[in-house]
Amino acid sequence: MRIGIITRGNKNYSTKRLIRAANALGHRVTLLDPWDCTLYLQSGQPSITHNGRSVERLDALIPRLSSATAKYGLEVVSQFEHIGVPSVNPSSAIETARNKWRTLRVLSAAKLPISPSFAAGSTEHLDKPISRIGGYPFLIKPFEGTQGGGIMLFETPMTAKSALDTLWSLKQDYIAQRFHHEAAGRDVRVLVVGKRALGAMERVAQQGEFRANVHRGALGRQMTLTEEISTLAVAAAQAVGLGIAGVDLLRTDEGLVLLEVNPSPGFEGFETTTLRDVATEMVRYAELVSGKAPIQPIIPSNGADTDTSPRHSPEN
């Protein structure tokens, strides 16, 4: 089977693990830098090349898009889908998951638990919506972003209005959400592949930090994957339409609350903490999506199976 991994992070942990897992299962891997892909359209004849070479005969895609490559990368995934190459995560689902507000709306429509939230276009008449989500303090986060970037905590009306005025003057849209004191600095990351949750990891922020992101120094701790957490994480991924997802949750006094559904989760910390072979599970799911049986083990060669680009994108 021929698997295409769409990524610019050819040297990061997750990409290398996926290559090794795919080769061990007998599959060829082609790394595709989305910015090196050219999309062609003619009447009835769509096509796609990577560095000038046709890559239309792939059997399945595993998109690993960073925030920098998400926009054009989505067009690349969509073009592959148009010519009949299936993706473990459809382009439409990736587009939804990349937008935090749309994700919350989808989860809300599915009657899944989310934190009270609002979005506004100005700082006029904010008292009522802030009161509706629980008052001060509250969090704001950008519509799009990863690794906790852009998340801020506001404790007073003065600081909130001043900062939001500045953000909106810069045309930066933000989501406001209730701040759960009891869950500050802790969250739960679940990796979902297909209709299964592979495990759960608690992330604990450094002292004085309220964002529990590993890239901000949070520590990962293995935890028991309860049926409640597993069921909720799988339901969230399916609601958004993702076959592979990192689902983040909070354990609050009111129960579990969904935070985000990540379409390109990094899994170095997760594999280290939970001892689960995430890469093999992802490749197995690509097999399922493609409907192709494994072939004999193949060692990468000829440059088509590796990406020599020096550019690097961090994992989500």
C-alpha atoms as a PDB file:
ATOM      1  CA  MET A   1       0.000   0.000   0.000  1.00  0.00           C
ATOM      2  CA  ARG A   2       1.187   3.525  -0.758  1.00  0.00           C
ATOM      3  CA  ILE A   3       0.596   6.039   2.026  1.00  0.00           C
ATOM      4  CA  GLY A   4       1.080   9.769   1.644  1.00  0.00           C
ATOM      5  CA  ILE A   5       1.893  11.778   4.773  1.00  0.00           C
ATOM      6  CA  ILE A   6       1.216  15.472   4.202  1.00  0.00           C
ATOM      7  CA  THR A   7       3.622  17.378   6.438  1.00  0.00           C
ATOM      8  CA  ARG A   8       6.413  19.931   6.565  1.00  0.00           C
ATOM      9  CA  GLY A   9       7.708  18.491   9.838  1.00  0.00           C
ATOM     10  CA  ASN A  10       9.687  15.690   8.208  1.00  0.00           C
ATOM     11  CA  LYS A  11      12.103  15.492  11.124  1.00  0.00           C
ATOM     12  CA  ASN A  12       9.654  15.555  14.012  1.00  0.00           C
ATOM     13  CA  TYR A  13       8.924  12.566  16.206  1.00  0.00           C
ATOM     14  CA  SER A  14       5.421  11.769  14.953  1.00  0.00           C
ATOM     15  CA  THR A  15       6.394  11.765  11.277  1.00  0.00           C
ATOM     16  CA  LYS A  16       9.376   9.492  11.857  1.00  0.00           C
ATOM     17  CA  ARG A  17       7.278   7.110  13.945  1.00  0.00           C
ATOM     18  CA  LEU A  18       4.590   6.938  11.257  1.00  0.00           C
ATOM     19  CA  ILE A  19       7.204   6.120   8.613  1.00  0.00           C
ATOM     20  CA  ARG A  20       8.703   3.320  10.728  1.00  0.00           C
ATOM     21  CA  ALA A  21       5.283   1.894  11.588  1.00  0.00           C
ATOM     22  CA  ALA A  22       4.137   1.962   7.957  1.00  0.00           C
ATOM     23  CA  ASN A  23       7.340   0.294   6.717  1.00  0.00           C
ATOM     24  CA  ALA A  24       7.058  -2.373   9.419  1.00  0.00           C
ATOM     25  CA  LEU A  25       3.575  -3.167   8.133  1.00  0.00           C
ATOM     26  CA  GLY A  26       4.825  -3.417   4.550  1.00  0.00           C
ATOM     27  CA  HIS A  27       3.772  -0.050   3.147  1.00  0.00           C
ATOM     28  CA  ARG A  28       5.536   2.549   1.031  1.00  0.00           C
ATOM     29  CA  VAL A  29       5.513   6.066   2.447  1.00  0.00           C
ATOM     30  CA  THR A  30       5.726   9.293   0.457  1.00  0.00           C
ATOM     31  CA  LEU A  31       6.242  12.497   2.422  1.00  0.00           C
ATOM     32  CA  LEU A  32       4.453  15.421   0.826  1.00  0.00           C
ATOM     33  CA  ASP A  33       5.339  18.973   1.731  1.00  0.00           C
ATOM     34  CA  PRO A  34       2.057  20.738   0.851  1.00  0.00           C
ATOM     35  CA  TRP A  35       3.945  23.794  -0.389  1.00  0.00           C
ATOM     36  CA  ASP A  36       5.741  21.594  -2.919  1.00  0.00           C
ATOM     37  CA  CYS A  37       2.441  20.274  -4.307  1.00  0.00           C
ATOM     38  CA  THR A  38       1.008  21.675  -7.518  1.00  0.00           C
ATOM     39  CA  LEU A  39      -2.695  21.244  -8.197  1.00  0.00           C
ATOM     40  CA  TYR A  40      -4.009  21.092 -11.755  1.00  0.00           C
ATOM     41  CA  LEU A  41      -7.531  21.463 -13.135  1.00  0.00           C
ATOM     42  CA  GLN A  42      -8.733  20.831 -16.644  1.00  0.00           C
ATOM     43  CA  SER A  43     -12.176  19.901 -17.809  1.00  0.00           C
ATOM     44  CA  GLY A  44     -12.709  16.472 -16.247  1.00  0.00           C
ATOM     45  CA  GLN A  45      -8.971  15.982 -15.590  1.00  0.00           C
ATOM     46  CA  PRO A  46      -7.861  17.083 -12.100  1.00  0.00           C
ATOM     47  CA  SER A  47      -4.316  16.078 -11.132  1.00  0.00           C
ATOM     48  CA  ILE A  48      -1.599  16.737  -8.550  1.00  0.00           C
ATOM     49  CA  THR A  49       2.201  16.627  -8.508  1.00  0.00           C
ATOM     50  CA  HIS A  50       4.840  16.882  -5.774  1.00  0.00           C
ATOM     51  CA  ASN A  51       8.157  18.410  -6.849  1.00  0.00           C
ATOM     52  CA  GLY A  52       7.051  17.825 -10.433  1.00  0.00           C
ATOM     53  CA  ARG A  53       6.268  14.103  -9.951  1.00  0.00           C
ATOM     54  CA  SER A  54       2.780  12.654 -10.212  1.00  0.00           C
ATOM     55  CA  VAL A  55       1.483  11.422  -6.832  1.00  0.00           C
ATOM     56  CA  GLU A  56      -2.031  10.474  -7.856  1.00  0.00           C
ATOM     57  CA  ARG A  57      -1.614   6.726  -7.305  1.00  0.00           C
ATOM     58  CA  LEU A  58      -1.478   6.883  -3.518  1.00  0.00           C
ATOM     59  CA  ASP A  59      -3.869   4.616  -1.618  1.00  0.00           C
ATOM     60  CA  ALA A  60      -4.430   6.720   1.505  1.00  0.00           C
ATOM     61  CA  LEU A  61      -3.439  10.022   3.113  1.00  0.00           C
ATOM     62  CA  ILE A  62      -2.440  10.909   6.658  1.00  0.00           C
ATOM     63  CA  PRO A  63      -2.563  14.736   6.843  1.00  0.00           C
ATOM     64  CA  ARG A  64      -0.292  16.350   9.452  1.00  0.00           C
ATOM     65  CA  LEU A  65      -1.020  20.039   8.912  1.00  0.00           C
ATOM     66  CA  SER A  66       0.383  22.791  11.103  1.00  0.00           C
ATOM     67  CA  SER A  67      -1.315  26.167  11.511  1.00  0.00           C
ATOM     68  CA  ALA A  68       1.106  27.598   8.931  1.00  0.00           C
ATOM     69  CA  THR A  69       0.203  25.038   6.250  1.00  0.00           C
ATOM     70  CA  ALA A  70      -3.454  24.447   7.098  1.00  0.00           C
ATOM     71  CA  LYS A  71      -4.993  26.737   4.465  1.00  0.00           C
ATOM     72  CA  TYR A  72      -3.186  25.494   1.361  1.00  0.00           C
ATOM     73  CA  GLY A  73      -2.756  22.059   2.926  1.00  0.00           C
ATOM     74  CA  LEU A  74      -6.538  21.725   3.064  1.00  0.00           C
ATOM     75  CA  GLU A  75      -6.702  22.370  -0.671  1.00  0.00           C
ATOM     76  CA  VAL A  76      -4.098  19.657  -1.207  1.00  0.00           C
ATOM     77  CA  VAL A  77      -6.109  17.139   0.847  1.00  0.00           C
ATOM     78  CA  SER A  78      -9.296  18.159  -0.959  1.00  0.00           C
ATOM     79  CA  GLN A  79      -7.626  17.724  -4.361  1.00  0.00           C
ATOM     80  CA  PHE A  80      -6.502  14.214  -3.431  1.00  0.00           C
ATOM     81  CA  GLU A  81     -10.038  13.399  -2.326  1.00  0.00           C
ATOM     82  CA  HIS A  82     -11.355  14.757  -5.628  1.00  0.00           C
ATOM     83  CA  ILE A  83      -9.182  12.354  -7.606  1.00  0.00           C
ATOM     84  CA  GLY A  84     -10.196   9.433  -5.386  1.00  0.00           C
ATOM     85  CA  VAL A  85      -7.458   9.181  -2.732  1.00  0.00           C
ATOM     86  CA  PRO A  86      -9.101   8.798   0.700  1.00  0.00           C
ATOM     87  CA  SER A  87      -7.840  10.593   3.800  1.00  0.00           C
ATOM     88  CA  VAL A  88      -7.955   9.398   7.399  1.00  0.00           C
ATOM     89  CA  ASN A  89      -9.297  12.885   8.156  1.00  0.00           C
ATOM     90  CA  PRO A  90     -11.520  14.425   5.454  1.00  0.00           C
ATOM     91  CA  SER A  91     -10.656  17.973   4.432  1.00  0.00           C
ATOM     92  CA  SER A  92     -14.080  19.231   5.537  1.00  0.00           C
ATOM     93  CA  ALA A  93     -13.552  17.806   9.036  1.00  0.00           C
ATOM     94  CA  ILE A  94     -10.043  19.291   9.290  1.00  0.00           C
ATOM     95  CA  GLU A  95     -11.445  22.681   8.300  1.00  0.00           C
ATOM     96  CA  THR A  96     -14.067  22.476  11.051  1.00  0.00           C
ATOM     97  CA  ALA A  97     -11.596  21.302  13.691  1.00  0.00           C
ATOM     98  CA  ARG A  98      -9.113  24.074  12.856  1.00  0.00           C
ATOM     99  CA  ASN A  99     -11.751  26.657  13.772  1.00  0.00           C
ATOM    100  CA  LYS A 100     -12.419  26.476  17.516  1.00  0.00           C
ATOM    101  CA  TRP A 101     -15.753  28.281  17.307  1.00  0.00           C
ATOM    102  CA  ARG A 102     -17.089  25.987  14.572  1.00  0.00           C
ATOM    103  CA  THR A 103     -15.908  22.991  16.565  1.00  0.00           C
ATOM    104  CA  LEU A 104     -17.765  24.203  19.654  1.00  0.00           C
ATOM    105  CA  ARG A 105     -20.886  24.772  17.558  1.00  0.00           C
ATOM    106  CA  VAL A 106     -20.728  21.219  16.175  1.00  0.00           C
ATOM    107  CA  LEU A 107     -20.191  19.748  19.645  1.00  0.00           C
ATOM    108  CA  SER A 108     -23.058  21.818  21.027  1.00  0.00           C
ATOM    109  CA  ALA A 109     -25.367  20.668  18.214  1.00  0.00           C
ATOM    110  CA  ALA A 110     -24.466  17.070  19.107  1.00  0.00           C
ATOM    111  CA  LYS A 111     -25.504  17.829  22.717  1.00  0.00           C
ATOM    112  CA  LEU A 112     -21.993  17.138  24.000  1.00  0.00           C
ATOM    113  CA  PRO A 113     -20.750  19.057  27.081  1.00  0.00           C
ATOM    114  CA  ILE A 114     -18.802  22.234  26.355  1.00  0.00           C
ATOM    115  CA  SER A 115     -17.801  25.230  28.433  1.00  0.00           C
ATOM    116  CA  PRO A 116     -20.212  28.220  28.188  1.00  0.00           C
ATOM    117  CA  SER A 117     -18.792  30.407  25.418  1.00  0.00           C
ATOM    118  CA  PHE A 118     -19.492  33.479  23.347  1.00  0.00           C
ATOM    119  CA  ALA A 119     -17.974  35.397  20.451  1.00  0.00           C
ATOM    120  CA  ALA A 120     -18.509  39.099  19.789  1.00  0.00           C
ATOM    121  CA  GLY A 121     -17.471  41.645  17.206  1.00  0.00           C
ATOM    122  CA  SER A 122     -16.821  44.571  19.559  1.00  0.00           C
ATOM    123  CA  THR A 123     -16.454  45.456  23.236  1.00  0.00           C
ATOM    124  CA  GLU A 124     -19.831  47.215  23.358  1.00  0.00           C
ATOM    125  CA  HIS A 125     -22.409  45.630  25.686  1.00  0.00           C
ATOM    126  CA  LEU A 126     -20.114  42.848  26.929  1.00  0.00           C
ATOM    127  CA  ASP A 127     -21.443  42.797  30.494  1.00  0.00           C
ATOM    128  CA  LYS A 128     -24.383  40.511  29.692  1.00  0.00           C
ATOM    129  CA  PRO A 129     -22.500  37.825  27.711  1.00  0.00           C
ATOM    130  CA  ILE A 130     -19.700  37.779  30.297  1.00  0.00           C
ATOM    131  CA  SER A 131     -22.313  37.283  33.009  1.00  0.00           C
ATOM    132  CA  ARG A 132     -23.935  34.463  30.985  1.00  0.00           C
ATOM    133  CA  ILE A 133     -20.702  32.458  30.862  1.00  0.00           C
ATOM    134  CA  GLY A 134     -20.052  32.846  34.599  1.00  0.00           C
ATOM    135  CA  GLY A 135     -18.500  36.285  35.005  1.00  0.00           C
ATOM    136  CA  TYR A 136     -14.904  37.039  35.941  1.00  0.00           C
ATOM    137  CA  PRO A 137     -12.364  35.599  35.588  1.00  0.00           C
ATOM    138  CA  PHE A 138     -12.848  34.259  32.067  1.00  0.00           C
ATOM    139  CA  LEU A 139     -10.625  33.028  29.249  1.00  0.00           C
ATOM    140  CA  ILE A 140     -10.308  34.163  25.683  1.00  0.00           C
ATOM    141  CA  LYS A 141      -8.729  32.175  22.860  1.00  0.00           C
ATOM    142  CA  PRO A 142      -8.346  32.799  19.115  1.00  0.00           C
ATOM    143  CA  PHE A 143     -10.645  31.126  16.613  1.00  0.00           C
ATOM    144  CA  GLU A 144      -7.565  29.346  15.271  1.00  0.00           C
ATOM    145  CA  GLY A 145      -4.388  28.441  17.112  1.00  0.00           C
ATOM    146  CA  THR A 146      -2.380  25.609  18.633  1.00  0.00           C
ATOM    147  CA  GLN A 147      -0.279  24.774  21.683  1.00  0.00           C
ATOM    148  CA  GLY A 148      -2.082  27.305  23.896  1.00  0.00           C
ATOM    149  CA  GLY A 149      -0.981  30.302  21.840  1.00  0.00           C
ATOM    150  CA  GLY A 150      -3.114  33.421  22.239  1.00  0.00           C
ATOM    151  CA  ILE A 151      -5.026  32.209  25.309  1.00  0.00           C
ATOM    152  CA  MET A 152      -5.456  34.894  27.962  1.00  0.00           C
ATOM    153  CA  LEU A 153      -7.097  35.071  31.391  1.00  0.00           C
ATOM    154  CA  PHE A 154      -9.007  38.217  32.374  1.00  0.00           C
ATOM    155  CA  GLU A 155      -9.875  38.940  35.989  1.00  0.00           C
ATOM    156  CA  THR A 156     -11.238  42.502  35.823  1.00  0.00           C
ATOM    157  CA  PRO A 157     -13.444  44.506  33.400  1.00  0.00           C
ATOM    158  CA  MET A 158     -10.689  47.082  32.868  1.00  0.00           C
ATOM    159  CA  THR A 159      -8.077  44.600  31.682  1.00  0.00           C
ATOM    160  CA  ALA A 160     -10.621  42.716  29.560  1.00  0.00           C
ATOM    161  CA  LYS A 161     -11.962  45.763  27.719  1.00  0.00           C
ATOM    162  CA  SER A 162      -8.519  47.221  27.085  1.00  0.00           C
ATOM    163  CA  ALA A 163      -7.109  43.985  25.684  1.00  0.00           C
ATOM    164  CA  LEU A 164     -10.192  43.123  23.626  1.00  0.00           C
ATOM    165  CA  ASP A 165     -10.317  46.631  22.145  1.00  0.00           C
ATOM    166  CA  THR A 166      -6.735  46.141  20.989  1.00  0.00           C
ATOM    167  CA  LEU A 167      -7.391  42.669  19.574  1.00  0.00           C
ATOM    168  CA  TRP A 168     -10.470  43.711  17.639  1.00  0.00           C
ATOM    169  CA  SER A 169      -8.713  46.790  16.282  1.00  0.00           C
ATOM    170  CA  LEU A 170      -6.200  44.309  14.836  1.00  0.00           C
ATOM    171  CA  LYS A 171      -9.089  42.269  13.376  1.00  0.00           C
ATOM    172  CA  GLN A 172      -8.370  39.316  15.660  1.00  0.00           C
ATOM    173  CA  ASP A 173     -11.516  37.355  16.523  1.00  0.00           C
ATOM    174  CA  TYR A 174     -11.607  35.608  19.882  1.00  0.00           C
ATOM    175  CA  ILE A 175     -13.801  33.208  21.826  1.00  0.00           C
ATOM    176  CA  ALA A 176     -14.612  33.940  25.458  1.00  0.00           C
ATOM    177  CA  GLN A 177     -15.140  30.970  27.775  1.00  0.00           C
ATOM    178  CA  ARG A 178     -15.853  30.253  31.421  1.00  0.00           C
ATOM    179  CA  PHE A 179     -12.754  29.754  33.555  1.00  0.00           C
ATOM    180  CA  HIS A 180     -13.065  26.635  35.703  1.00  0.00           C
ATOM    181  CA  HIS A 181     -11.016  27.343  38.839  1.00  0.00           C
ATOM    182  CA  GLU A 182     -11.054  23.726  39.969  1.00  0.00           C
ATOM    183  CA  ALA A 183      -9.494  22.556  36.676  1.00  0.00           C
ATOM    184  CA  ALA A 184      -6.910  25.323  36.250  1.00  0.00           C
ATOM    185  CA  GLY A 185      -3.597  23.998  34.949  1.00  0.00           C
ATOM    186  CA  ARG A 186      -4.901  20.485  34.301  1.00  0.00           C
ATOM    187  CA  ASP A 187      -6.591  18.822  31.368  1.00  0.00           C
ATOM    188  CA  VAL A 188      -6.985  15.389  29.812  1.00  0.00           C
ATOM    189  CA  ARG A 189      -5.725  14.435  26.332  1.00  0.00           C
ATOM    190  CA  VAL A 190      -7.325  11.406  24.668  1.00  0.00           C
ATOM    191  CA  LEU A 191      -6.166  10.042  21.318  1.00  0.00           C
ATOM    192  CA  VAL A 192      -8.967   8.664  19.157  1.00  0.00           C
ATOM    193  CA  VAL A 193      -8.321   6.464  16.132  1.00  0.00           C
ATOM    194  CA  GLY A 194     -11.366   5.234  14.270  1.00  0.00           C
ATOM    195  CA  LYS A 195     -14.043   4.460  16.816  1.00  0.00           C
ATOM    196  CA  ARG A 196     -11.590   3.735  19.652  1.00  0.00           C
ATOM    197  CA  ALA A 197      -9.919   5.811  22.316  1.00  0.00           C
ATOM    198  CA  LEU A 198      -6.332   4.554  22.626  1.00  0.00           C
ATOM    199  CA  GLY A 199      -5.710   5.907  26.109  1.00  0.00           C
ATOM    200  CA  ALA A 200      -5.757   9.009  28.274  1.00  0.00           C
ATOM    201  CA  MET A 201      -3.055  11.301  29.586  1.00  0.00           C
ATOM    202  CA  GLU A 202      -3.419  14.002  32.212  1.00  0.00           C
ATOM    203  CA  ARG A 203      -1.423  17.143  31.462  1.00  0.00           C
ATOM    204  CA  VAL A 204      -0.349  19.228  34.450  1.00  0.00           C
ATOM    205  CA  ALA A 205       0.920  22.775  33.912  1.00  0.00           C
ATOM    206  CA  GLN A 206       3.964  24.255  35.594  1.00  0.00           C
ATOM    207  CA  GLN A 207       3.333  26.209  38.762  1.00  0.00           C
ATOM    208  CA  GLY A 208       1.771  29.581  37.999  1.00  0.00           C
ATOM    209  CA  GLU A 209       0.625  28.554  34.492  1.00  0.00           C
ATOM    210  CA  PHE A 210      -3.054  27.881  33.703  1.00  0.00           C
ATOM    211  CA  ARG A 211      -2.453  26.334  30.247  1.00  0.00           C
ATOM    212  CA  ALA A 212      -1.722  22.613  30.335  1.00  0.00           C
ATOM    213  CA  ASN A 213       0.162  22.349  27.043  1.00  0.00           C
ATOM    214  CA  VAL A 214       3.230  20.120  26.820  1.00  0.00           C
ATOM    215  CA  HIS A 215       4.936  22.744  24.620  1.00  0.00           C
ATOM    216  CA  ARG A 216       4.563  25.173  27.531  1.00  0.00           C
ATOM    217  CA  GLY A 217       6.246  22.855  30.001  1.00  0.00           C
ATOM    218  CA  ALA A 218       3.272  20.800  31.175  1.00  0.00           C
ATOM    219  CA  LEU A 219       3.998  17.281  32.400  1.00  0.00           C
ATOM    220  CA  GLY A 220       2.126  14.251  31.097  1.00  0.00           C
ATOM    221  CA  ARG A 221       0.856  11.619  33.521  1.00  0.00           C
ATOM    222  CA  GLN A 222      -0.765   8.338  32.609  1.00  0.00           C
ATOM    223  CA  MET A 223      -4.315   7.996  33.860  1.00  0.00           C
ATOM    224  CA  THR A 224      -7.068   5.431  33.709  1.00  0.00           C
ATOM    225  CA  LEU A 225      -9.185   5.675  30.589  1.00  0.00           C
ATOM    226  CA  THR A 226     -12.686   5.476  32.014  1.00  0.00           C
ATOM    227  CA  GLU A 227     -15.685   4.458  29.939  1.00  0.00           C
ATOM    228  CA  GLU A 228     -17.127   7.960  30.375  1.00  0.00           C
ATOM    229  CA  ILE A 229     -13.987   9.669  29.064  1.00  0.00           C
ATOM    230  CA  SER A 230     -13.620   7.168  26.216  1.00  0.00           C
ATOM    231  CA  THR A 231     -17.248   7.496  25.116  1.00  0.00           C
ATOM    232  CA  LEU A 232     -17.146  11.295  25.191  1.00  0.00           C
ATOM    233  CA  ALA A 233     -13.844  11.551  23.283  1.00  0.00           C
ATOM    234  CA  VAL A 234     -14.990   9.194  20.528  1.00  0.00           C
ATOM    235  CA  ALA A 235     -18.331  11.015  20.271  1.00  0.00           C
ATOM    236  CA  ALA A 236     -16.510  14.352  19.908  1.00  0.00           C
ATOM    237  CA  ALA A 237     -14.215  13.082  17.136  1.00  0.00           C
ATOM    238  CA  GLN A 238     -17.149  11.545  15.284  1.00  0.00           C
ATOM    239  CA  ALA A 239     -19.273  14.684  15.642  1.00  0.00           C
ATOM    240  CA  VAL A 240     -16.534  16.727  13.967  1.00  0.00           C
ATOM    241  CA  GLY A 241     -15.993  13.978  11.363  1.00  0.00           C
ATOM    242  CA  LEU A 242     -12.395  13.049  12.210  1.00  0.00           C
ATOM    243  CA  GLY A 243     -11.010   9.516  12.008  1.00  0.00           C
ATOM    244  CA  ILE A 244      -7.868  10.500  13.947  1.00  0.00           C
ATOM    245  CA  ALA A 245      -8.052  13.173  16.639  1.00  0.00           C
ATOM    246  CA  GLY A 246      -6.556  14.457  19.846  1.00  0.00           C
ATOM    247  CA  VAL A 247      -9.469  15.326  22.130  1.00  0.00           C
ATOM    248  CA  ASP A 248      -8.884  17.626  25.100  1.00  0.00           C
ATOM    249  CA  LEU A 249     -11.210  17.619  28.109  1.00  0.00           C
ATOM    250  CA  LEU A 250     -11.524  19.245  31.521  1.00  0.00           C
ATOM    251  CA  ARG A 251     -12.727  17.550  34.672  1.00  0.00           C
ATOM    252  CA  THR A 252     -14.885  20.201  36.344  1.00  0.00           C
ATOM    253  CA  ASP A 253     -17.243  20.280  39.309  1.00  0.00           C
ATOM    254  CA  GLU A 254     -20.101  19.947  36.805  1.00  0.00           C
ATOM    255  CA  GLY A 255     -18.515  16.948  35.080  1.00  0.00           C
ATOM    256  CA  LEU A 256     -16.430  16.449  31.949  1.00  0.00           C
ATOM    257  CA  VAL A 257     -16.218  19.359  29.517  1.00  0.00           C
ATOM    258  CA  LEU A 258     -14.815  19.225  25.977  1.00  0.00           C
ATOM    259  CA  LEU A 259     -12.171  21.822  25.102  1.00  0.00           C
ATOM    260  CA  GLU A 260     -10.838  21.088  21.624  1.00  0.00           C
ATOM    261  CA  VAL A 261     -10.649  18.423  18.934  1.00  0.00           C
ATOM    262  CA  ASN A 262      -7.245  18.467  17.232  1.00  0.00           C
ATOM    263  CA  PRO A 263      -6.992  17.003  13.686  1.00  0.00           C
ATOM    264  CA  SER A 264      -3.162  16.654  13.709  1.00  0.00           C
ATOM    265  CA  PRO A 265      -2.181  15.705  17.249  1.00  0.00           C
ATOM    266  CA  GLY A 266       1.470  15.211  18.075  1.00  0.00           C
ATOM    267  CA  PHE A 267       1.904  12.018  20.049  1.00  0.00           C
ATOM    268  CA  GLU A 268       5.461  11.824  21.372  1.00  0.00           C
ATOM    269  CA  GLY A 269       4.415  12.628  24.919  1.00  0.00           C
ATOM    270  CA  PHE A 270       1.363  10.405  24.622  1.00  0.00           C
ATOM    271  CA  GLU A 271       3.353   7.340  23.508  1.00  0.00           C
ATOM    272  CA  THR A 272       5.971   7.945  26.191  1.00  0.00           C
ATOM    273  CA  THR A 273       3.380   8.377  28.924  1.00  0.00           C
ATOM    274  CA  THR A 274       0.841   5.702  27.992  1.00  0.00           C
ATOM    275  CA  LEU A 275       3.213   3.221  26.282  1.00  0.00           C
ATOM    276  CA  ARG A 276       0.680   2.848  23.460  1.00  0.00           C
ATOM    277  CA  ASP A 277       1.870   2.294  19.879  1.00  0.00           C
ATOM    278  CA  VAL A 278      -0.073   5.209  18.431  1.00  0.00           C
ATOM    279  CA  ALA A 279       1.775   5.261  15.094  1.00  0.00           C
ATOM    280  CA  THR A 280       0.863   1.657  14.262  1.00  0.00           C
ATOM    281  CA  GLU A 281      -2.773   2.287  15.200  1.00  0.00           C
ATOM    282  CA  MET A 282      -2.858   5.277  12.842  1.00  0.00           C
ATOM    283  CA  VAL A 283      -1.359   3.299   9.972  1.00  0.00           C
ATOM    284  CA  ARG A 284      -3.811   0.461  10.593  1.00  0.00           C
ATOM    285  CA  TYR A 285      -6.614   2.979  10.334  1.00  0.00           C
ATOM    286  CA  ALA A 286      -5.184   4.228   7.022  1.00  0.00           C
ATOM    287  CA  GLU A 287      -5.350   0.599   5.822  1.00  0.00           C
ATOM    288  CA  LEU A 288      -9.012   0.492   6.792  1.00  0.00           C
ATOM    289  CA  VAL A 289      -9.759   3.764   5.015  1.00  0.00           C
ATOM    290  CA  SER A 290      -7.973   2.633   1.841  1.00  0.00           C
ATOM    291  CA  GLY A 291      -9.427  -0.872   1.808  1.00  0.00           C
ATOM    292  CA  LYS A 292      -6.029  -2.213   0.673  1.00  0.00           C
ATOM    293  CA  ALA A 293      -4.238  -5.266   2.071  1.00  0.00           C
ATOM    294  CA  PRO A 294      -0.612  -4.869   3.263  1.00  0.00           C
ATOM    295  CA  ILE A 295       2.239  -5.657   0.848  1.00  0.00           C
ATOM    296  CA  GLN A 296       5.730  -6.954   1.648  1.00  0.00           C
ATOM    297  CA  PRO A 297       7.978  -4.753   3.836  1.00  0.00           C
ATOM    298  CA  ILE A 298       9.785  -2.104   1.792  1.00  0.00           C
ATOM    299  CA  ILE A 299      12.731   0.066   2.789  1.00  0.00           C
ATOM    300  CA  PRO A 300      12.311   3.747   1.797  1.00  0.00           C
ATOM    301  CA  SER A 301      14.463   4.734  -1.191  1.00  0.00           C
ATOM    302  CA  ASN A 302      14.832   7.044  -4.205  1.00  0.00           C
ATOM    303  CA  GLY A 303      13.947  10.166  -2.245  1.00  0.00           C
ATOM    304  CA  ALA A 304      10.208   9.640  -2.802  1.00  0.00           C
ATOM    305  CA  ASP A 305       9.858   8.171   0.657  1.00  0.00           C
ATOM    306  CA  THR A 306      11.690  10.936   2.478  1.00  0.00           C
ATOM    307  CA  ASP A 307      11.393  14.710   2.536  1.00  0.00           C
ATOM    308  CA  THR A 308      14.758  16.440   2.301  1.00  0.00           C
ATOM    309  CA  SER A 309      13.311  19.915   2.924  1.00  0.00           C
ATOM    310  CA  PRO A 310      15.156  21.604   5.825  1.00  0.00           C
ATOM    311  CA  ARG A 311      11.995  23.427   6.869  1.00  0.00           C
ATOM    312  CA  HIS A 312      10.362  22.228  10.066  1.00  0.00           C
ATOM    313  CA  SER A 313       6.998  22.778  11.704  1.00  0.00           C
ATOM    314  CA  PRO A 314       6.368  21.998  15.389  1.00  0.00           C
ATOM    315  CA  GLU A 315       3.829  19.389  16.326  1.00  0.00           C
ATOM    316  CA  ASN A 316       0.452  20.272  17.754  1.00  0.00           C
END
